[in-house]
């Protein structure tokens, strides 16, 4: 097990060197690493040919990381939501969005980037982030700023789109996606990793959320029935689900379905939870890491959603580095068991 980080590109490459200085060896790319993301993935291009990563885009992003002494191990959410949501909702234009994603996956294989992290969430069209929260200004330990979710407040949300969607529709859309994408991933040597719904609730804004519990993840893995289809084990969301995380790790880990993971702290569970520092989380991270070791997990864990502390810079490095140090110490302790 290794700790990784988002690459967060900057003009001088200073952030990548900063990560290297703290002993991080692996990075995860996002849409922000695309050299021309604003034009390539503009809303007006969402369901047109070309809203994809070309081979050279991927190779240059990978080499930028390698030149700083880091490995690009994955791309997470390689396109903005609007370049993907027609697939999720089964809307006209989804076949072109699928074709664009297929091209991206083929080029990932050629460029030697082995993991594609994705989600199956649709939020309000004006939402800034995929993780839907009712507060971004909750006070955490010592006044650190954290985000939180309260289902009672979320119930008052208007529809995210022009109608309600059913569970049956969403599962049919997911199966359509799986049948089109998984064979391409198998051929390209790329593994797909589904992120849990965040927050892990049954429905928001009239749109069902399929991956809010163990059963949804199990059904998806059985539907794909492929070593190229697996999970992004987001420990924050699995904590908020209120489910047996260790049992889930054993179930999916013994089947080789844990591709990589997120490490974030959460207190509480649905219907109300808040993010927090990793050392005060409800998740027993030591037991989680021991169980990951037990099932032979040999991939990366990415700290995220870290509290914003005093004396942060614009990137929020203090809370992130606290999580990195905590997680690395736990990994070393577990490795010595």
C-alpha atoms as a PDB file:
ATOM      1  CA  UNK A   1       0.000   0.000   0.000  1.00  0.00           C
ATOM      2  CA  UNK A   2       1.157   3.491  -0.852  1.00  0.00           C
ATOM      3  CA  UNK A   3      -0.087   7.017  -0.279  1.00  0.00           C
ATOM      4  CA  UNK A   4      -0.678   9.079  -3.405  1.00  0.00           C
ATOM      5  CA  UNK A   5      -1.971  12.561  -4.232  1.00  0.00           C
ATOM      6  CA  UNK A   6      -3.695  14.488  -6.977  1.00  0.00           C
ATOM      7  CA  UNK A   7      -1.142  15.972  -9.325  1.00  0.00           C
ATOM      8  CA  UNK A   8      -2.552  19.532  -9.316  1.00  0.00           C
ATOM      9  CA  UNK A   9      -0.559  20.948 -12.232  1.00  0.00           C
ATOM     10  CA  UNK A  10       1.105  24.333 -12.036  1.00  0.00           C
ATOM     11  CA  UNK A  11       3.173  26.246 -14.559  1.00  0.00           C
ATOM     12  CA  UNK A  12       6.508  25.660 -12.808  1.00  0.00           C
ATOM     13  CA  UNK A  13       5.901  22.108 -11.642  1.00  0.00           C
ATOM     14  CA  UNK A  14       6.501  23.190  -8.041  1.00  0.00           C
ATOM     15  CA  UNK A  15       3.580  21.267  -6.598  1.00  0.00           C
ATOM     16  CA  UNK A  16       4.872  17.961  -7.965  1.00  0.00           C
ATOM     17  CA  UNK A  17       8.274  18.641  -6.405  1.00  0.00           C
ATOM     18  CA  UNK A  18       6.500  19.526  -3.165  1.00  0.00           C
ATOM     19  CA  UNK A  19       4.797  16.101  -3.191  1.00  0.00           C
ATOM     20  CA  UNK A  20       8.104  14.377  -3.876  1.00  0.00           C
ATOM     21  CA  UNK A  21       9.691  16.160  -0.928  1.00  0.00           C
ATOM     22  CA  UNK A  22       7.119  14.525   1.365  1.00  0.00           C
ATOM     23  CA  UNK A  23       7.900  11.050   0.083  1.00  0.00           C
ATOM     24  CA  UNK A  24       4.923  10.678  -2.248  1.00  0.00           C
ATOM     25  CA  UNK A  25       5.724   8.562  -5.309  1.00  0.00           C
ATOM     26  CA  UNK A  26       2.359   8.229  -7.073  1.00  0.00           C
ATOM     27  CA  UNK A  27      -0.122  10.768  -8.402  1.00  0.00           C
ATOM     28  CA  UNK A  28      -3.649  10.679  -9.781  1.00  0.00           C
ATOM     29  CA  UNK A  29      -4.493  12.886 -12.754  1.00  0.00           C
ATOM     30  CA  UNK A  30      -7.824  14.668 -13.272  1.00  0.00           C
ATOM     31  CA  UNK A  31      -9.438  16.693 -16.036  1.00  0.00           C
ATOM     32  CA  UNK A  32      -7.359  19.647 -14.797  1.00  0.00           C
ATOM     33  CA  UNK A  33      -4.235  17.938 -16.124  1.00  0.00           C
ATOM     34  CA  UNK A  34      -5.481  18.128 -19.702  1.00  0.00           C
ATOM     35  CA  UNK A  35      -3.442  20.817 -21.505  1.00  0.00           C
ATOM     36  CA  UNK A  36      -6.525  22.321 -23.189  1.00  0.00           C
ATOM     37  CA  UNK A  37      -9.363  21.262 -20.899  1.00  0.00           C
ATOM     38  CA  UNK A  38     -11.333  24.508 -21.015  1.00  0.00           C
ATOM     39  CA  UNK A  39     -11.765  24.354 -24.797  1.00  0.00           C
ATOM     40  CA  UNK A  40     -11.785  20.578 -25.321  1.00  0.00           C
ATOM     41  CA  UNK A  41     -14.423  19.935 -22.664  1.00  0.00           C
ATOM     42  CA  UNK A  42     -16.536  23.072 -23.039  1.00  0.00           C
ATOM     43  CA  UNK A  43     -20.246  22.529 -22.400  1.00  0.00           C
ATOM     44  CA  UNK A  44     -21.092  23.084 -26.049  1.00  0.00           C
ATOM     45  CA  UNK A  45     -18.776  20.184 -26.941  1.00  0.00           C
ATOM     46  CA  UNK A  46     -20.186  17.780 -24.340  1.00  0.00           C
ATOM     47  CA  UNK A  47     -21.792  15.356 -26.779  1.00  0.00           C
ATOM     48  CA  UNK A  48     -19.643  16.002 -29.845  1.00  0.00           C
ATOM     49  CA  UNK A  49     -16.686  14.037 -31.241  1.00  0.00           C
ATOM     50  CA  UNK A  50     -13.383  15.079 -29.717  1.00  0.00           C
ATOM     51  CA  UNK A  51     -14.394  15.584 -26.067  1.00  0.00           C
ATOM     52  CA  UNK A  52     -11.730  13.046 -25.118  1.00  0.00           C
ATOM     53  CA  UNK A  53      -8.074  12.617 -24.198  1.00  0.00           C
ATOM     54  CA  UNK A  54      -5.746  12.066 -27.130  1.00  0.00           C
ATOM     55  CA  UNK A  55      -2.635   9.910 -26.800  1.00  0.00           C
ATOM     56  CA  UNK A  56      -0.284  12.896 -26.806  1.00  0.00           C
ATOM     57  CA  UNK A  57      -2.316  14.659 -24.082  1.00  0.00           C
ATOM     58  CA  UNK A  58      -1.956  11.597 -21.863  1.00  0.00           C
ATOM     59  CA  UNK A  59       1.693  11.009 -22.609  1.00  0.00           C
ATOM     60  CA  UNK A  60       2.603  14.613 -21.885  1.00  0.00           C
ATOM     61  CA  UNK A  61       0.690  14.529 -18.590  1.00  0.00           C
ATOM     62  CA  UNK A  62       2.390  11.287 -17.634  1.00  0.00           C
ATOM     63  CA  UNK A  63       5.856  12.559 -18.556  1.00  0.00           C
ATOM     64  CA  UNK A  64       5.333  15.792 -16.625  1.00  0.00           C
ATOM     65  CA  UNK A  65       4.847  13.641 -13.526  1.00  0.00           C
ATOM     66  CA  UNK A  66       7.762  11.345 -14.328  1.00  0.00           C
ATOM     67  CA  UNK A  67      10.074  14.323 -14.864  1.00  0.00           C
ATOM     68  CA  UNK A  68       9.350  15.225 -11.224  1.00  0.00           C
ATOM     69  CA  UNK A  69      10.091  11.653 -10.123  1.00  0.00           C
ATOM     70  CA  UNK A  70       6.441  10.581  -9.764  1.00  0.00           C
ATOM     71  CA  UNK A  71       4.259   7.884 -11.343  1.00  0.00           C
ATOM     72  CA  UNK A  72       0.866   8.700 -12.884  1.00  0.00           C
ATOM     73  CA  UNK A  73      -1.132   5.697 -11.696  1.00  0.00           C
ATOM     74  CA  UNK A  74      -4.659   6.785 -12.598  1.00  0.00           C
ATOM     75  CA  UNK A  75      -6.955   9.384 -14.073  1.00  0.00           C
ATOM     76  CA  UNK A  76      -9.949  10.222 -11.941  1.00  0.00           C
ATOM     77  CA  UNK A  77     -12.976  11.833 -13.590  1.00  0.00           C
ATOM     78  CA  UNK A  78     -11.109  12.569 -16.835  1.00  0.00           C
ATOM     79  CA  UNK A  79     -13.915  14.759 -18.205  1.00  0.00           C
ATOM     80  CA  UNK A  80     -16.327  17.236 -16.575  1.00  0.00           C
ATOM     81  CA  UNK A  81     -19.745  15.962 -15.525  1.00  0.00           C
ATOM     82  CA  UNK A  82     -21.500  17.523 -18.512  1.00  0.00           C
ATOM     83  CA  UNK A  83     -19.364  15.398 -20.871  1.00  0.00           C
ATOM     84  CA  UNK A  84     -20.579  12.279 -19.097  1.00  0.00           C
ATOM     85  CA  UNK A  85     -24.074  12.796 -17.712  1.00  0.00           C
ATOM     86  CA  UNK A  86     -25.936  11.832 -20.897  1.00  0.00           C
ATOM     87  CA  UNK A  87     -24.548   8.339 -20.332  1.00  0.00           C
ATOM     88  CA  UNK A  88     -25.686   8.291 -16.707  1.00  0.00           C
ATOM     89  CA  UNK A  89     -29.184   9.578 -17.485  1.00  0.00           C
ATOM     90  CA  UNK A  90     -29.646   7.689 -20.767  1.00  0.00           C
ATOM     91  CA  UNK A  91     -30.212  10.872 -22.787  1.00  0.00           C
ATOM     92  CA  UNK A  92     -29.789  11.479 -26.526  1.00  0.00           C
ATOM     93  CA  UNK A  93     -26.093  11.966 -27.237  1.00  0.00           C
ATOM     94  CA  UNK A  94     -24.938   9.263 -24.837  1.00  0.00           C
ATOM     95  CA  UNK A  95     -23.515   7.094 -27.622  1.00  0.00           C
ATOM     96  CA  UNK A  96     -21.160   9.882 -28.660  1.00  0.00           C
ATOM     97  CA  UNK A  97     -20.133  10.431 -25.040  1.00  0.00           C
ATOM     98  CA  UNK A  98     -19.480   6.685 -24.741  1.00  0.00           C
ATOM     99  CA  UNK A  99     -17.435   6.747 -27.937  1.00  0.00           C
ATOM    100  CA  UNK A 100     -15.361   9.634 -26.570  1.00  0.00           C
ATOM    101  CA  UNK A 101     -14.750   7.712 -23.357  1.00  0.00           C
ATOM    102  CA  UNK A 102     -13.815   4.582 -25.297  1.00  0.00           C
ATOM    103  CA  UNK A 103     -11.220   6.598 -27.200  1.00  0.00           C
ATOM    104  CA  UNK A 104      -9.850   7.995 -23.938  1.00  0.00           C
ATOM    105  CA  UNK A 105      -9.536   4.476 -22.488  1.00  0.00           C
ATOM    106  CA  UNK A 106      -7.758   3.135 -25.571  1.00  0.00           C
ATOM    107  CA  UNK A 107      -5.325   6.044 -25.423  1.00  0.00           C
ATOM    108  CA  UNK A 108      -4.789   5.502 -21.694  1.00  0.00           C
ATOM    109  CA  UNK A 109      -3.725   1.947 -22.454  1.00  0.00           C
ATOM    110  CA  UNK A 110      -1.312   3.153 -25.118  1.00  0.00           C
ATOM    111  CA  UNK A 111       0.096   5.793 -22.752  1.00  0.00           C
ATOM    112  CA  UNK A 112       0.566   3.315 -19.888  1.00  0.00           C
ATOM    113  CA  UNK A 113      -1.917   4.855 -17.436  1.00  0.00           C
ATOM    114  CA  UNK A 114      -3.676   1.829 -15.961  1.00  0.00           C
ATOM    115  CA  UNK A 115      -6.673   3.086 -13.923  1.00  0.00           C
ATOM    116  CA  UNK A 116      -9.727   5.192 -14.718  1.00  0.00           C
ATOM    117  CA  UNK A 117     -11.695   6.381 -11.694  1.00  0.00           C
ATOM    118  CA  UNK A 118     -15.311   7.399 -12.336  1.00  0.00           C
ATOM    119  CA  UNK A 119     -18.621   7.980 -10.575  1.00  0.00           C
ATOM    120  CA  UNK A 120     -22.335   7.584 -11.330  1.00  0.00           C
ATOM    121  CA  UNK A 121     -23.649  10.790  -9.757  1.00  0.00           C
ATOM    122  CA  UNK A 122     -25.611  13.621 -11.311  1.00  0.00           C
ATOM    123  CA  UNK A 123     -25.988  16.797  -9.276  1.00  0.00           C
ATOM    124  CA  UNK A 124     -27.641  20.129  -9.944  1.00  0.00           C
ATOM    125  CA  UNK A 125     -26.240  21.648 -13.126  1.00  0.00           C
ATOM    126  CA  UNK A 126     -24.735  24.552 -11.150  1.00  0.00           C
ATOM    127  CA  UNK A 127     -22.950  22.320  -8.602  1.00  0.00           C
ATOM    128  CA  UNK A 128     -19.240  23.057  -8.304  1.00  0.00           C
ATOM    129  CA  UNK A 129     -18.176  19.697  -6.893  1.00  0.00           C
ATOM    130  CA  UNK A 130     -19.339  16.111  -7.264  1.00  0.00           C
ATOM    131  CA  UNK A 131     -19.598  15.589  -3.484  1.00  0.00           C
ATOM    132  CA  UNK A 132     -22.952  17.215  -2.652  1.00  0.00           C
ATOM    133  CA  UNK A 133     -23.002  18.958   0.731  1.00  0.00           C
ATOM    134  CA  UNK A 134     -25.536  21.014   2.652  1.00  0.00           C
ATOM    135  CA  UNK A 135     -22.721  23.007   4.323  1.00  0.00           C
ATOM    136  CA  UNK A 136     -19.158  23.892   3.374  1.00  0.00           C
ATOM    137  CA  UNK A 137     -18.576  25.998   6.490  1.00  0.00           C
ATOM    138  CA  UNK A 138     -19.155  23.607   9.389  1.00  0.00           C
ATOM    139  CA  UNK A 139     -16.781  24.151  12.309  1.00  0.00           C
ATOM    140  CA  UNK A 140     -14.543  21.177  13.057  1.00  0.00           C
ATOM    141  CA  UNK A 141     -11.843  20.590  15.663  1.00  0.00           C
ATOM    142  CA  UNK A 142     -10.290  23.845  16.792  1.00  0.00           C
ATOM    143  CA  UNK A 143     -12.455  25.774  14.363  1.00  0.00           C
ATOM    144  CA  UNK A 144     -11.107  24.034  11.252  1.00  0.00           C
ATOM    145  CA  UNK A 145     -13.548  24.373   8.380  1.00  0.00           C
ATOM    146  CA  UNK A 146     -15.161  21.147   7.158  1.00  0.00           C
ATOM    147  CA  UNK A 147     -18.114  20.183   4.992  1.00  0.00           C
ATOM    148  CA  UNK A 148     -21.189  18.360   6.235  1.00  0.00           C
ATOM    149  CA  UNK A 149     -24.418  16.801   5.016  1.00  0.00           C
ATOM    150  CA  UNK A 150     -27.892  16.771   6.551  1.00  0.00           C
ATOM    151  CA  UNK A 151     -30.489  14.714   4.695  1.00  0.00           C
ATOM    152  CA  UNK A 152     -33.351  16.648   6.273  1.00  0.00           C
ATOM    153  CA  UNK A 153     -32.077  19.836   4.620  1.00  0.00           C
ATOM    154  CA  UNK A 154     -31.381  18.032   1.339  1.00  0.00           C
ATOM    155  CA  UNK A 155     -34.979  16.797   1.141  1.00  0.00           C
ATOM    156  CA  UNK A 156     -36.055  20.325   0.231  1.00  0.00           C
ATOM    157  CA  UNK A 157     -33.891  20.403  -2.912  1.00  0.00           C
ATOM    158  CA  UNK A 158     -35.698  20.976  -6.216  1.00  0.00           C
ATOM    159  CA  UNK A 159     -35.281  18.414  -8.980  1.00  0.00           C
ATOM    160  CA  UNK A 160     -31.777  18.387 -10.436  1.00  0.00           C
ATOM    161  CA  UNK A 161     -33.250  17.849 -13.913  1.00  0.00           C
ATOM    162  CA  UNK A 162     -36.682  18.305 -15.470  1.00  0.00           C
ATOM    163  CA  UNK A 163     -38.195  15.097 -14.040  1.00  0.00           C
ATOM    164  CA  UNK A 164     -37.789  12.228 -11.597  1.00  0.00           C
ATOM    165  CA  UNK A 165     -35.721   9.213 -12.643  1.00  0.00           C
ATOM    166  CA  UNK A 166     -36.351   5.665 -11.459  1.00  0.00           C
ATOM    167  CA  UNK A 167     -33.982   3.047 -10.072  1.00  0.00           C
ATOM    168  CA  UNK A 168     -34.821   0.803 -13.026  1.00  0.00           C
ATOM    169  CA  UNK A 169     -33.825   3.513 -15.514  1.00  0.00           C
ATOM    170  CA  UNK A 170     -30.545   4.202 -13.769  1.00  0.00           C
ATOM    171  CA  UNK A 171     -29.604   0.518 -13.588  1.00  0.00           C
ATOM    172  CA  UNK A 172     -30.522   0.059 -17.255  1.00  0.00           C
ATOM    173  CA  UNK A 173     -28.294   3.030 -18.107  1.00  0.00           C
ATOM    174  CA  UNK A 174     -25.459   1.570 -16.064  1.00  0.00           C
ATOM    175  CA  UNK A 175     -25.763  -1.801 -17.785  1.00  0.00           C
ATOM    176  CA  UNK A 176     -25.725  -0.078 -21.182  1.00  0.00           C
ATOM    177  CA  UNK A 177     -22.536   1.701 -20.139  1.00  0.00           C
ATOM    178  CA  UNK A 178     -20.897  -1.480 -18.811  1.00  0.00           C
ATOM    179  CA  UNK A 179     -21.621  -3.459 -21.970  1.00  0.00           C
ATOM    180  CA  UNK A 180     -20.045  -0.715 -24.089  1.00  0.00           C
ATOM    181  CA  UNK A 181     -17.057   0.223 -21.925  1.00  0.00           C
ATOM    182  CA  UNK A 182     -15.790  -2.884 -20.139  1.00  0.00           C
ATOM    183  CA  UNK A 183     -14.712  -4.787 -23.302  1.00  0.00           C
ATOM    184  CA  UNK A 184     -12.733  -1.723 -24.400  1.00  0.00           C
ATOM    185  CA  UNK A 185     -11.083  -1.478 -20.977  1.00  0.00           C
ATOM    186  CA  UNK A 186     -10.203  -5.182 -21.105  1.00  0.00           C
ATOM    187  CA  UNK A 187      -8.594  -4.780 -24.503  1.00  0.00           C
ATOM    188  CA  UNK A 188      -6.693  -1.645 -23.459  1.00  0.00           C
ATOM    189  CA  UNK A 189      -5.456  -3.091 -20.156  1.00  0.00           C
ATOM    190  CA  UNK A 190      -7.175  -0.349 -18.159  1.00  0.00           C
ATOM    191  CA  UNK A 191      -9.076  -0.970 -14.916  1.00  0.00           C
ATOM    192  CA  UNK A 192     -12.266   0.941 -14.124  1.00  0.00           C
ATOM    193  CA  UNK A 193     -12.915   2.002 -10.510  1.00  0.00           C
ATOM    194  CA  UNK A 194     -16.380   3.197  -9.454  1.00  0.00           C
ATOM    195  CA  UNK A 195     -16.574   5.771  -6.651  1.00  0.00           C
ATOM    196  CA  UNK A 196     -19.422   5.495  -4.111  1.00  0.00           C
ATOM    197  CA  UNK A 197     -22.207   8.050  -4.221  1.00  0.00           C
ATOM    198  CA  UNK A 198     -21.277  11.091  -2.177  1.00  0.00           C
ATOM    199  CA  UNK A 199     -23.327  11.508  -0.075  1.00  0.00           C
ATOM    200  CA  UNK A 200     -24.361   7.841   0.010  1.00  0.00           C
ATOM    201  CA  UNK A 201     -28.133   8.341   0.034  1.00  0.00           C
ATOM    202  CA  UNK A 202     -30.825   6.599  -2.010  1.00  0.00           C
ATOM    203  CA  UNK A 203     -31.891   9.639  -4.031  1.00  0.00           C
ATOM    204  CA  UNK A 204     -31.119  13.346  -4.405  1.00  0.00           C
ATOM    205  CA  UNK A 205     -32.891  15.899  -6.567  1.00  0.00           C
ATOM    206  CA  UNK A 206     -35.110  13.226  -8.093  1.00  0.00           C
ATOM    207  CA  UNK A 207     -32.165  11.100  -9.261  1.00  0.00           C
ATOM    208  CA  UNK A 208     -31.476   7.681  -7.667  1.00  0.00           C
ATOM    209  CA  UNK A 209     -27.952   7.025  -6.448  1.00  0.00           C
ATOM    210  CA  UNK A 210     -27.066   3.428  -7.193  1.00  0.00           C
ATOM    211  CA  UNK A 211     -23.844   3.239  -5.202  1.00  0.00           C
ATOM    212  CA  UNK A 212     -25.013   4.258  -1.742  1.00  0.00           C
ATOM    213  CA  UNK A 213     -24.636   0.818  -0.151  1.00  0.00           C
ATOM    214  CA  UNK A 214     -22.907  -2.550  -0.309  1.00  0.00           C
ATOM    215  CA  UNK A 215     -25.635  -4.108  -2.446  1.00  0.00           C
ATOM    216  CA  UNK A 216     -25.294  -1.540  -5.217  1.00  0.00           C
ATOM    217  CA  UNK A 217     -21.563  -2.145  -5.504  1.00  0.00           C
ATOM    218  CA  UNK A 218     -22.041  -5.915  -5.440  1.00  0.00           C
ATOM    219  CA  UNK A 219     -24.659  -5.744  -8.198  1.00  0.00           C
ATOM    220  CA  UNK A 220     -22.397  -3.593 -10.373  1.00  0.00           C
ATOM    221  CA  UNK A 221     -19.467  -5.967 -10.019  1.00  0.00           C
ATOM    222  CA  UNK A 222     -21.635  -8.959 -10.899  1.00  0.00           C
ATOM    223  CA  UNK A 223     -23.089  -7.090 -13.867  1.00  0.00           C
ATOM    224  CA  UNK A 224     -19.655  -6.332 -15.328  1.00  0.00           C
ATOM    225  CA  UNK A 225     -18.173  -9.723 -14.389  1.00  0.00           C
ATOM    226  CA  UNK A 226     -14.680  -8.597 -15.395  1.00  0.00           C
ATOM    227  CA  UNK A 227     -11.315  -8.058 -13.760  1.00  0.00           C
ATOM    228  CA  UNK A 228     -11.298  -4.699 -15.555  1.00  0.00           C
ATOM    229  CA  UNK A 229     -14.220  -3.484 -13.433  1.00  0.00           C
ATOM    230  CA  UNK A 230     -13.644  -2.692  -9.767  1.00  0.00           C
ATOM    231  CA  UNK A 231     -14.053  -0.205  -6.948  1.00  0.00           C
ATOM    232  CA  UNK A 232     -12.527   2.989  -5.706  1.00  0.00           C
ATOM    233  CA  UNK A 233     -12.788   2.239  -1.982  1.00  0.00           C
ATOM    234  CA  UNK A 234     -13.638   5.691  -0.642  1.00  0.00           C
ATOM    235  CA  UNK A 235     -13.387   5.173   3.110  1.00  0.00           C
ATOM    236  CA  UNK A 236     -15.187   8.416   3.898  1.00  0.00           C
ATOM    237  CA  UNK A 237     -18.288   7.349   2.033  1.00  0.00           C
ATOM    238  CA  UNK A 238     -18.152   3.777   3.295  1.00  0.00           C
ATOM    239  CA  UNK A 239     -18.048   5.230   6.821  1.00  0.00           C
ATOM    240  CA  UNK A 240     -21.044   7.465   6.077  1.00  0.00           C
ATOM    241  CA  UNK A 241     -22.957   4.437   4.744  1.00  0.00           C
ATOM    242  CA  UNK A 242     -22.851   2.924   8.223  1.00  0.00           C
ATOM    243  CA  UNK A 243     -22.019  -0.474   6.779  1.00  0.00           C
ATOM    244  CA  UNK A 244     -19.442  -3.094   7.814  1.00  0.00           C
ATOM    245  CA  UNK A 245     -16.346  -1.792   6.033  1.00  0.00           C
ATOM    246  CA  UNK A 246     -14.134  -4.744   6.947  1.00  0.00           C
ATOM    247  CA  UNK A 247     -16.684  -7.229   5.598  1.00  0.00           C
ATOM    248  CA  UNK A 248     -16.932  -5.190   2.377  1.00  0.00           C
ATOM    249  CA  UNK A 249     -13.137  -5.161   2.004  1.00  0.00           C
ATOM    250  CA  UNK A 250     -13.015  -8.937   2.420  1.00  0.00           C
ATOM    251  CA  UNK A 251     -15.866  -9.467  -0.049  1.00  0.00           C
ATOM    252  CA  UNK A 252     -14.498  -7.283  -2.825  1.00  0.00           C
ATOM    253  CA  UNK A 253     -10.818  -7.720  -1.987  1.00  0.00           C
ATOM    254  CA  UNK A 254     -10.916 -11.497  -2.171  1.00  0.00           C
ATOM    255  CA  UNK A 255     -12.394 -11.100  -5.663  1.00  0.00           C
ATOM    256  CA  UNK A 256      -9.643  -8.694  -6.753  1.00  0.00           C
ATOM    257  CA  UNK A 257     -12.131  -5.853  -7.158  1.00  0.00           C
ATOM    258  CA  UNK A 258     -10.434  -3.157  -5.043  1.00  0.00           C
ATOM    259  CA  UNK A 259      -8.569  -1.036  -7.581  1.00  0.00           C
ATOM    260  CA  UNK A 260      -7.498   1.876  -5.354  1.00  0.00           C
ATOM    261  CA  UNK A 261      -8.923   3.936  -2.531  1.00  0.00           C
ATOM    262  CA  UNK A 262      -9.625   7.304  -0.947  1.00  0.00           C
ATOM    263  CA  UNK A 263      -8.700   7.998   2.654  1.00  0.00           C
ATOM    264  CA  UNK A 264     -10.798  10.655   4.331  1.00  0.00           C
ATOM    265  CA  UNK A 265     -12.231  11.207   7.776  1.00  0.00           C
ATOM    266  CA  UNK A 266     -15.967  11.266   8.489  1.00  0.00           C
ATOM    267  CA  UNK A 267     -17.932  11.496  11.737  1.00  0.00           C
ATOM    268  CA  UNK A 268     -21.507  10.282  11.758  1.00  0.00           C
ATOM    269  CA  UNK A 269     -23.428   8.510   9.039  1.00  0.00           C
ATOM    270  CA  UNK A 270     -26.446   9.101   6.844  1.00  0.00           C
ATOM    271  CA  UNK A 271     -28.726  10.958   7.530  1.00  0.00           C
ATOM    272  CA  UNK A 272     -26.148  13.372   9.048  1.00  0.00           C
ATOM    273  CA  UNK A 273     -22.373  13.357   8.857  1.00  0.00           C
ATOM    274  CA  UNK A 274     -19.457  15.740   8.675  1.00  0.00           C
ATOM    275  CA  UNK A 275     -15.906  15.437   7.428  1.00  0.00           C
ATOM    276  CA  UNK A 276     -13.066  15.672   9.921  1.00  0.00           C
ATOM    277  CA  UNK A 277      -9.390  15.035  10.576  1.00  0.00           C
ATOM    278  CA  UNK A 278      -8.459  11.417   9.945  1.00  0.00           C
ATOM    279  CA  UNK A 279      -7.384  10.757  13.552  1.00  0.00           C
ATOM    280  CA  UNK A 280     -10.870  11.625  14.889  1.00  0.00           C
ATOM    281  CA  UNK A 281     -12.856   9.745  12.236  1.00  0.00           C
ATOM    282  CA  UNK A 282     -15.373   7.035  13.060  1.00  0.00           C
ATOM    283  CA  UNK A 283     -13.489   4.722  10.702  1.00  0.00           C
ATOM    284  CA  UNK A 284     -10.938   2.440  12.389  1.00  0.00           C
ATOM    285  CA  UNK A 285      -8.213   3.029   9.819  1.00  0.00           C
ATOM    286  CA  UNK A 286      -5.745   0.670  11.485  1.00  0.00           C
ATOM    287  CA  UNK A 287      -8.194  -2.235  11.176  1.00  0.00           C
ATOM    288  CA  UNK A 288      -9.018  -1.199   7.617  1.00  0.00           C
ATOM    289  CA  UNK A 289      -5.365  -1.232   6.604  1.00  0.00           C
ATOM    290  CA  UNK A 290      -4.794  -4.602   8.276  1.00  0.00           C
ATOM    291  CA  UNK A 291      -7.771  -6.017   6.374  1.00  0.00           C
ATOM    292  CA  UNK A 292      -6.532  -4.534   3.112  1.00  0.00           C
ATOM    293  CA  UNK A 293      -3.207  -6.227   3.786  1.00  0.00           C
ATOM    294  CA  UNK A 294      -5.053  -9.473   4.551  1.00  0.00           C
ATOM    295  CA  UNK A 295      -6.782  -9.496   1.141  1.00  0.00           C
ATOM    296  CA  UNK A 296      -3.559  -8.641  -0.717  1.00  0.00           C
ATOM    297  CA  UNK A 297      -4.403  -5.042  -1.630  1.00  0.00           C
ATOM    298  CA  UNK A 298      -1.310  -3.540  -3.269  1.00  0.00           C
ATOM    299  CA  UNK A 299      -2.382  -0.204  -4.644  1.00  0.00           C
ATOM    300  CA  UNK A 300      -2.649   3.443  -3.638  1.00  0.00           C
ATOM    301  CA  UNK A 301      -4.728   5.350  -1.094  1.00  0.00           C
ATOM    302  CA  UNK A 302      -5.430   9.008  -1.781  1.00  0.00           C
ATOM    303  CA  UNK A 303      -6.105  11.393   1.155  1.00  0.00           C
ATOM    304  CA  UNK A 304      -8.818  13.919   0.367  1.00  0.00           C
ATOM    305  CA  UNK A 305     -11.593  16.195   1.616  1.00  0.00           C
ATOM    306  CA  UNK A 306      -9.200  17.408   4.302  1.00  0.00           C
ATOM    307  CA  UNK A 307     -10.282  20.085   6.806  1.00  0.00           C
ATOM    308  CA  UNK A 308      -9.089  23.603   6.098  1.00  0.00           C
ATOM    309  CA  UNK A 309      -6.943  24.757   9.001  1.00  0.00           C
ATOM    310  CA  UNK A 310      -5.417  28.045  10.019  1.00  0.00           C
ATOM    311  CA  UNK A 311      -2.378  29.120   8.006  1.00  0.00           C
ATOM    312  CA  UNK A 312      -3.480  27.199   4.919  1.00  0.00           C
ATOM    313  CA  UNK A 313      -2.182  28.288   1.546  1.00  0.00           C
ATOM    314  CA  UNK A 314      -4.523  28.447  -1.436  1.00  0.00           C
ATOM    315  CA  UNK A 315      -4.206  24.698  -2.017  1.00  0.00           C
ATOM    316  CA  UNK A 316      -5.115  23.586   1.500  1.00  0.00           C
ATOM    317  CA  UNK A 317      -1.816  21.806   2.078  1.00  0.00           C
ATOM    318  CA  UNK A 318      -1.785  21.724   5.882  1.00  0.00           C
ATOM    319  CA  UNK A 319      -4.777  19.436   6.328  1.00  0.00           C
ATOM    320  CA  UNK A 320      -3.640  17.274   3.441  1.00  0.00           C
ATOM    321  CA  UNK A 321      -0.139  16.808   4.814  1.00  0.00           C
ATOM    322  CA  UNK A 322      -1.547  15.945   8.242  1.00  0.00           C
ATOM    323  CA  UNK A 323      -3.520  13.122   6.592  1.00  0.00           C
ATOM    324  CA  UNK A 324      -0.471  11.993   4.599  1.00  0.00           C
ATOM    325  CA  UNK A 325       1.704  11.708   7.691  1.00  0.00           C
ATOM    326  CA  UNK A 326      -0.986   9.933   9.686  1.00  0.00           C
ATOM    327  CA  UNK A 327      -1.701   7.440   6.897  1.00  0.00           C
ATOM    328  CA  UNK A 328       1.941   6.718   6.164  1.00  0.00           C
ATOM    329  CA  UNK A 329       2.636   5.997   9.815  1.00  0.00           C
ATOM    330  CA  UNK A 330      -0.319   3.597   9.958  1.00  0.00           C
ATOM    331  CA  UNK A 331       0.801   1.823   6.787  1.00  0.00           C
ATOM    332  CA  UNK A 332       4.291   1.349   8.198  1.00  0.00           C
ATOM    333  CA  UNK A 333       2.886   0.034  11.481  1.00  0.00           C
ATOM    334  CA  UNK A 334       0.575  -2.398   9.688  1.00  0.00           C
ATOM    335  CA  UNK A 335       3.389  -3.548   7.394  1.00  0.00           C
ATOM    336  CA  UNK A 336       5.454  -4.464  10.451  1.00  0.00           C
ATOM    337  CA  UNK A 337       2.630  -6.535  12.026  1.00  0.00           C
END
